[in-house]
Amino acid sequence: MEVLSQSLPIVIYFLLIILLVVVIIFGIKLIITMSKLETLVDDVAKKVSALDKIFDIVNVVTNRFTLITDTLINFATSLFTKLFSSKKSKNEEEENE
């Protein structure tokens, strides 16, 4: 029993030292991975900022296209409304006579 009480703390200390070394190694690998990840994120951010200009141009073009098509549709709608309303009013006048 006395041998066990003397050897058990030594085994526990040895296992704790091994655990500490493993945690330090994982910490170092994590720092290296985070550094690589940071450079990757920076590269992606630069590429996205370059694409932002293209998306702004596309947005402006689509807004202009929408404005033009809305204007044409409003014009066509008003033209058809005038044509059909004048025929309808003529038909009503003929019926009233």
N, C-alpha and C. Protein backbone atom coordinates (compact mmCIF):
# COMPACT_ATOMS: atom_id res chain seq x y z
N MET A 1 0.81 -1.19 0.00
CA MET A 1 0.00 0.00 0.00
C MET A 1 0.85 1.25 0.00
N GLU A 2 1.97 1.15 0.70
CA GLU A 2 2.87 2.30 0.77
C GLU A 2 3.54 2.56 -0.57
N VAL A 3 3.80 1.52 -1.32
CA VAL A 3 4.40 1.67 -2.63
C VAL A 3 3.42 2.36 -3.57
N LEU A 4 2.17 2.00 -3.46
CA LEU A 4 1.14 2.61 -4.29
C LEU A 4 0.97 4.09 -3.96
N SER A 5 1.00 4.45 -2.70
CA SER A 5 0.83 5.85 -2.31
C SER A 5 2.04 6.69 -2.73
N GLN A 6 3.21 6.08 -2.88
CA GLN A 6 4.38 6.82 -3.35
C GLN A 6 4.46 6.86 -4.87
N SER A 7 4.04 5.83 -5.56
CA SER A 7 4.17 5.78 -7.02
C SER A 7 2.99 6.45 -7.74
N LEU A 8 1.83 6.47 -7.11
CA LEU A 8 0.66 7.07 -7.74
C LEU A 8 0.84 8.57 -8.02
N PRO A 9 1.33 9.38 -7.09
CA PRO A 9 1.56 10.79 -7.42
C PRO A 9 2.58 10.98 -8.55
N ILE A 10 3.57 10.12 -8.62
CA ILE A 10 4.57 10.22 -9.68
C ILE A 10 3.92 9.95 -11.04
N VAL A 11 3.06 8.93 -11.11
CA VAL A 11 2.36 8.60 -12.35
C VAL A 11 1.43 9.75 -12.75
N ILE A 12 0.72 10.30 -11.77
CA ILE A 12 -0.20 11.40 -12.06
C ILE A 12 0.58 12.63 -12.55
N TYR A 13 1.68 12.96 -11.93
CA TYR A 13 2.50 14.09 -12.38
C TYR A 13 3.03 13.86 -13.79
N PHE A 14 3.45 12.64 -14.04
CA PHE A 14 3.96 12.30 -15.38
C PHE A 14 2.85 12.47 -16.43
N LEU A 15 1.64 12.00 -16.14
CA LEU A 15 0.52 12.14 -17.06
C LEU A 15 0.14 13.61 -17.24
N LEU A 16 0.20 14.39 -16.18
CA LEU A 16 -0.10 15.82 -16.29
C LEU A 16 0.93 16.54 -17.15
N ILE A 17 2.19 16.16 -17.04
CA ILE A 17 3.24 16.75 -17.88
C ILE A 17 2.98 16.41 -19.34
N ILE A 18 2.62 15.17 -19.63
CA ILE A 18 2.31 14.76 -21.00
C ILE A 18 1.10 15.55 -21.52
N LEU A 19 0.07 15.69 -20.68
CA LEU A 19 -1.11 16.45 -21.07
C LEU A 19 -0.77 17.91 -21.34
N LEU A 20 0.08 18.49 -20.53
CA LEU A 20 0.51 19.88 -20.73
C LEU A 20 1.27 20.04 -22.04
N VAL A 21 2.14 19.10 -22.36
CA VAL A 21 2.89 19.15 -23.62
C VAL A 21 1.94 19.03 -24.81
N VAL A 22 0.96 18.14 -24.72
CA VAL A 22 0.00 17.96 -25.82
C VAL A 22 -0.83 19.23 -26.00
N VAL A 23 -1.26 19.85 -24.91
CA VAL A 23 -2.04 21.09 -25.01
C VAL A 23 -1.20 22.21 -25.60
N ILE A 24 0.06 22.30 -25.25
CA ILE A 24 0.95 23.31 -25.83
C ILE A 24 1.12 23.09 -27.32
N ILE A 25 1.30 21.84 -27.73
CA ILE A 25 1.45 21.53 -29.17
C ILE A 25 0.17 21.89 -29.92
N PHE A 26 -0.99 21.54 -29.37
CA PHE A 26 -2.25 21.90 -30.02
C PHE A 26 -2.44 23.41 -30.08
N GLY A 27 -2.01 24.11 -29.04
CA GLY A 27 -2.11 25.57 -29.03
C GLY A 27 -1.25 26.20 -30.12
N ILE A 28 -0.04 25.68 -30.29
CA ILE A 28 0.86 26.19 -31.34
C ILE A 28 0.27 25.91 -32.71
N LYS A 29 -0.24 24.70 -32.91
CA LYS A 29 -0.86 24.38 -34.21
C LYS A 29 -2.09 25.25 -34.45
N LEU A 30 -2.85 25.53 -33.42
CA LEU A 30 -4.01 26.39 -33.55
C LEU A 30 -3.60 27.82 -33.93
N ILE A 31 -2.55 28.32 -33.34
CA ILE A 31 -2.06 29.66 -33.68
C ILE A 31 -1.60 29.70 -35.14
N ILE A 32 -0.92 28.68 -35.58
CA ILE A 32 -0.46 28.63 -36.98
C ILE A 32 -1.67 28.56 -37.92
N THR A 33 -2.64 27.75 -37.58
CA THR A 33 -3.85 27.63 -38.41
C THR A 33 -4.61 28.95 -38.45
N MET A 34 -4.72 29.61 -37.32
CA MET A 34 -5.42 30.90 -37.29
C MET A 34 -4.68 31.95 -38.11
N SER A 35 -3.37 31.90 -38.12
CA SER A 35 -2.59 32.83 -38.94
C SER A 35 -2.85 32.60 -40.43
N LYS A 36 -2.85 31.33 -40.83
CA LYS A 36 -3.15 31.01 -42.23
C LYS A 36 -4.58 31.41 -42.59
N LEU A 37 -5.49 31.18 -41.67
CA LEU A 37 -6.89 31.54 -41.90
C LEU A 37 -7.05 33.05 -42.02
N GLU A 38 -6.30 33.79 -41.24
CA GLU A 38 -6.36 35.26 -41.32
C GLU A 38 -5.88 35.76 -42.67
N THR A 39 -4.80 35.19 -43.18
CA THR A 39 -4.32 35.61 -44.50
C THR A 39 -5.32 35.23 -45.58
N LEU A 40 -5.96 34.07 -45.44
CA LEU A 40 -6.98 33.65 -46.40
C LEU A 40 -8.18 34.60 -46.38
N VAL A 41 -8.62 34.98 -45.21
CA VAL A 41 -9.75 35.90 -45.09
C VAL A 41 -9.39 37.26 -45.66
N ASP A 42 -8.18 37.72 -45.44
CA ASP A 42 -7.74 38.99 -46.02
C ASP A 42 -7.75 38.94 -47.54
N ASP A 43 -7.28 37.83 -48.11
CA ASP A 43 -7.29 37.68 -49.58
C ASP A 43 -8.72 37.68 -50.12
N VAL A 44 -9.60 36.98 -49.43
CA VAL A 44 -11.00 36.94 -49.87
C VAL A 44 -11.62 38.33 -49.77
N ALA A 45 -11.30 39.06 -48.73
CA ALA A 45 -11.84 40.41 -48.57
C ALA A 45 -11.37 41.33 -49.69
N LYS A 46 -10.11 41.19 -50.10
CA LYS A 46 -9.60 42.00 -51.22
C LYS A 46 -10.33 41.66 -52.51
N LYS A 47 -10.53 40.38 -52.75
CA LYS A 47 -11.21 39.95 -53.98
C LYS A 47 -12.68 40.39 -53.98
N VAL A 48 -13.32 40.33 -52.84
CA VAL A 48 -14.71 40.76 -52.75
C VAL A 48 -14.81 42.27 -52.96
N SER A 49 -13.86 43.02 -52.43
CA SER A 49 -13.90 44.47 -52.65
C SER A 49 -13.70 44.80 -54.12
N ALA A 50 -12.93 44.00 -54.83
CA ALA A 50 -12.77 44.21 -56.27
C ALA A 50 -14.07 43.89 -56.98
N LEU A 51 -14.80 42.88 -56.52
CA LEU A 51 -16.07 42.52 -57.13
C LEU A 51 -17.18 43.51 -56.78
N ASP A 52 -17.03 44.23 -55.68
CA ASP A 52 -18.03 45.22 -55.31
C ASP A 52 -18.21 46.27 -56.39
N LYS A 53 -17.14 46.66 -57.03
CA LYS A 53 -17.22 47.66 -58.10
C LYS A 53 -18.04 47.12 -59.27
N ILE A 54 -17.81 45.85 -59.59
CA ILE A 54 -18.56 45.23 -60.70
C ILE A 54 -20.04 45.15 -60.34
N PHE A 55 -20.33 44.77 -59.10
CA PHE A 55 -21.73 44.68 -58.68
C PHE A 55 -22.39 46.05 -58.66
N ASP A 56 -21.63 47.09 -58.31
CA ASP A 56 -22.19 48.44 -58.35
C ASP A 56 -22.55 48.84 -59.78
N ILE A 57 -21.68 48.48 -60.73
CA ILE A 57 -21.96 48.78 -62.14
C ILE A 57 -23.20 48.03 -62.61
N VAL A 58 -23.29 46.75 -62.25
CA VAL A 58 -24.45 45.95 -62.63
C VAL A 58 -25.72 46.53 -62.00
N ASN A 59 -25.61 46.98 -60.77
CA ASN A 59 -26.76 47.57 -60.09
C ASN A 59 -27.22 48.84 -60.80
N VAL A 60 -26.29 49.69 -61.20
CA VAL A 60 -26.64 50.93 -61.90
C VAL A 60 -27.31 50.60 -63.24
N VAL A 61 -26.74 49.64 -63.97
CA VAL A 61 -27.30 49.27 -65.28
C VAL A 61 -28.71 48.70 -65.11
N THR A 62 -28.92 47.85 -64.14
CA THR A 62 -30.26 47.29 -63.95
C THR A 62 -31.26 48.36 -63.51
N ASN A 63 -30.80 49.29 -62.71
CA ASN A 63 -31.70 50.38 -62.30
C ASN A 63 -32.10 51.22 -63.50
N ARG A 64 -31.17 51.52 -64.38
CA ARG A 64 -31.49 52.29 -65.59
C ARG A 64 -32.42 51.50 -66.51
N PHE A 65 -32.13 50.22 -66.66
CA PHE A 65 -32.97 49.36 -67.50
C PHE A 65 -34.39 49.31 -66.96
N THR A 66 -34.52 49.20 -65.64
CA THR A 66 -35.83 49.18 -65.01
C THR A 66 -36.56 50.50 -65.23
N LEU A 67 -35.85 51.60 -65.12
CA LEU A 67 -36.45 52.90 -65.34
C LEU A 67 -36.97 53.03 -66.77
N ILE A 68 -36.17 52.59 -67.73
CA ILE A 68 -36.57 52.67 -69.14
C ILE A 68 -37.78 51.77 -69.41
N THR A 69 -37.74 50.54 -68.92
CA THR A 69 -38.86 49.63 -69.17
C THR A 69 -40.13 50.12 -68.48
N ASP A 70 -40.01 50.66 -67.28
CA ASP A 70 -41.19 51.20 -66.60
C ASP A 70 -41.79 52.36 -67.38
N THR A 71 -40.93 53.21 -67.93
CA THR A 71 -41.42 54.33 -68.73
C THR A 71 -42.13 53.84 -69.98
N LEU A 72 -41.55 52.86 -70.65
CA LEU A 72 -42.18 52.32 -71.86
C LEU A 72 -43.51 51.63 -71.54
N ILE A 73 -43.55 50.90 -70.46
CA ILE A 73 -44.79 50.21 -70.08
C ILE A 73 -45.87 51.23 -69.70
N ASN A 74 -45.50 52.28 -68.98
CA ASN A 74 -46.48 53.31 -68.64
C ASN A 74 -47.00 54.01 -69.89
N PHE A 75 -46.12 54.27 -70.83
CA PHE A 75 -46.54 54.91 -72.07
C PHE A 75 -47.50 54.00 -72.84
N ALA A 76 -47.14 52.72 -72.97
CA ALA A 76 -47.99 51.77 -73.69
C ALA A 76 -49.33 51.60 -72.99
N THR A 77 -49.32 51.54 -71.69
CA THR A 77 -50.56 51.40 -70.93
C THR A 77 -51.46 52.61 -71.12
N SER A 78 -50.88 53.79 -71.04
CA SER A 78 -51.70 55.00 -71.23
C SER A 78 -52.23 55.07 -72.66
N LEU A 79 -51.44 54.67 -73.64
CA LEU A 79 -51.88 54.68 -75.03
C LEU A 79 -53.05 53.72 -75.24
N PHE A 80 -52.94 52.50 -74.73
CA PHE A 80 -54.03 51.53 -74.86
C PHE A 80 -55.26 51.99 -74.10
N THR A 81 -55.06 52.59 -72.96
CA THR A 81 -56.20 53.09 -72.18
C THR A 81 -56.93 54.17 -72.95
N LYS A 82 -56.19 55.07 -73.59
CA LYS A 82 -56.83 56.13 -74.38
C LYS A 82 -57.56 55.55 -75.58
N LEU A 83 -56.95 54.58 -76.25
CA LEU A 83 -57.59 53.99 -77.42
C LEU A 83 -58.88 53.26 -77.05
N PHE A 84 -58.84 52.46 -76.02
CA PHE A 84 -60.01 51.68 -75.65
C PHE A 84 -61.07 52.54 -75.00
N SER A 85 -60.66 53.55 -74.26
CA SER A 85 -61.67 54.40 -73.62
C SER A 85 -62.38 55.27 -74.65
N SER A 86 -61.67 55.69 -75.73
CA SER A 86 -62.33 56.49 -76.76
C SER A 86 -63.33 55.64 -77.55
N LYS A 87 -62.99 54.38 -77.82
CA LYS A 87 -63.92 53.49 -78.52
C LYS A 87 -65.13 53.20 -77.64
N LYS A 88 -64.90 53.03 -76.37
CA LYS A 88 -65.99 52.73 -75.46
C LYS A 88 -66.93 53.93 -75.35
N SER A 89 -66.34 55.11 -75.25
CA SER A 89 -67.19 56.30 -75.14
C SER A 89 -67.96 56.55 -76.44
N LYS A 90 -67.36 56.24 -77.61
CA LYS A 90 -68.08 56.38 -78.88
C LYS A 90 -69.24 55.39 -78.95
N ASN A 91 -69.01 54.16 -78.50
CA ASN A 91 -70.07 53.15 -78.49
C ASN A 91 -71.20 53.56 -77.56
N GLU A 92 -70.90 54.16 -76.43
CA GLU A 92 -71.92 54.61 -75.50
C GLU A 92 -72.73 55.75 -76.10
N GLU A 93 -72.07 56.67 -76.85
CA GLU A 93 -72.78 57.79 -77.47
C GLU A 93 -73.74 57.28 -78.54
N GLU A 94 -73.31 56.27 -79.31
CA GLU A 94 -74.15 55.72 -80.35
C GLU A 94 -75.38 55.02 -79.73
N GLU A 95 -75.18 54.35 -78.61
CA GLU A 95 -76.28 53.68 -77.94
C GLU A 95 -77.26 54.67 -77.35
N ASN A 96 -76.79 55.81 -76.90
CA ASN A 96 -77.64 56.82 -76.29
C ASN A 96 -78.52 57.51 -77.34
N GLU A 97 -78.10 57.59 -78.54
CA GLU A 97 -78.86 58.28 -79.58
C GLU A 97 -79.99 57.49 -80.00
